[in-house]
Amino acid sequence: MLCVIFFTLIVAPLIVELVIRLFDYWWNNRHNGRN
């Protein structure tokens, strides 16, 4: 169980950052269109 906690503490921020980067990339493409 302790391993799961450490795994979550280490991996969760990485996943969150990845999702934020992907969302930001998608959001910019959606609003910029064809510039």
C-alpha atoms as a PDB file:
ATOM      1  CA  MET A   1       0.000   0.000   0.000  1.00  0.00           C
ATOM      2  CA  LEU A   2       2.887   2.334   0.813  1.00  0.00           C
ATOM      3  CA  CYS A   3       4.319   1.736  -2.668  1.00  0.00           C
ATOM      4  CA  VAL A   4       1.013   2.814  -4.193  1.00  0.00           C
ATOM      5  CA  ILE A   5       1.093   6.051  -2.189  1.00  0.00           C
ATOM      6  CA  PHE A   6       4.642   6.881  -3.262  1.00  0.00           C
ATOM      7  CA  PHE A   7       3.816   5.927  -6.858  1.00  0.00           C
ATOM      8  CA  THR A   8       0.801   8.242  -6.792  1.00  0.00           C
ATOM      9  CA  LEU A   9       2.791  11.105  -5.270  1.00  0.00           C
ATOM     10  CA  ILE A  10       5.467  10.782  -7.958  1.00  0.00           C
ATOM     11  CA  VAL A  11       3.390   9.949 -11.038  1.00  0.00           C
ATOM     12  CA  ALA A  12       0.252  12.017 -10.396  1.00  0.00           C
ATOM     13  CA  PRO A  13       1.986  15.428 -10.831  1.00  0.00           C
ATOM     14  CA  LEU A  14       3.574  14.202 -14.070  1.00  0.00           C
ATOM     15  CA  ILE A  15       0.202  13.089 -15.433  1.00  0.00           C
ATOM     16  CA  VAL A  16      -1.401  16.377 -14.376  1.00  0.00           C
ATOM     17  CA  GLU A  17       1.348  18.374 -16.104  1.00  0.00           C
ATOM     18  CA  LEU A  18       0.984  16.261 -19.238  1.00  0.00           C
ATOM     19  CA  VAL A  19      -2.790  16.804 -19.297  1.00  0.00           C
ATOM     20  CA  ILE A  20      -2.335  20.551 -18.787  1.00  0.00           C
ATOM     21  CA  ARG A  21       0.182  20.730 -21.647  1.00  0.00           C
ATOM     22  CA  LEU A  22      -2.097  18.739 -23.974  1.00  0.00           C
ATOM     23  CA  PHE A  23      -5.123  20.833 -23.020  1.00  0.00           C
ATOM     24  CA  ASP A  24      -3.186  24.069 -23.521  1.00  0.00           C
ATOM     25  CA  TYR A  25      -1.984  22.866 -26.935  1.00  0.00           C
ATOM     26  CA  TRP A  26      -5.517  21.833 -27.938  1.00  0.00           C
ATOM     27  CA  TRP A  27      -7.018  25.074 -26.597  1.00  0.00           C
ATOM     28  CA  ASN A  28      -4.540  27.215 -28.568  1.00  0.00           C
ATOM     29  CA  ASN A  29      -5.190  25.281 -31.780  1.00  0.00           C
ATOM     30  CA  ARG A  30      -8.948  25.562 -31.281  1.00  0.00           C
ATOM     31  CA  HIS A  31      -8.904  29.334 -30.803  1.00  0.00           C
ATOM     32  CA  ASN A  32      -6.158  30.254 -33.245  1.00  0.00           C
ATOM     33  CA  GLY A  33      -7.615  28.259 -36.097  1.00  0.00           C
ATOM     34  CA  ARG A  34      -5.661  28.841 -39.291  1.00  0.00           C
ATOM     35  CA  ASN A  35      -3.347  31.756 -38.589  1.00  0.00           C
END
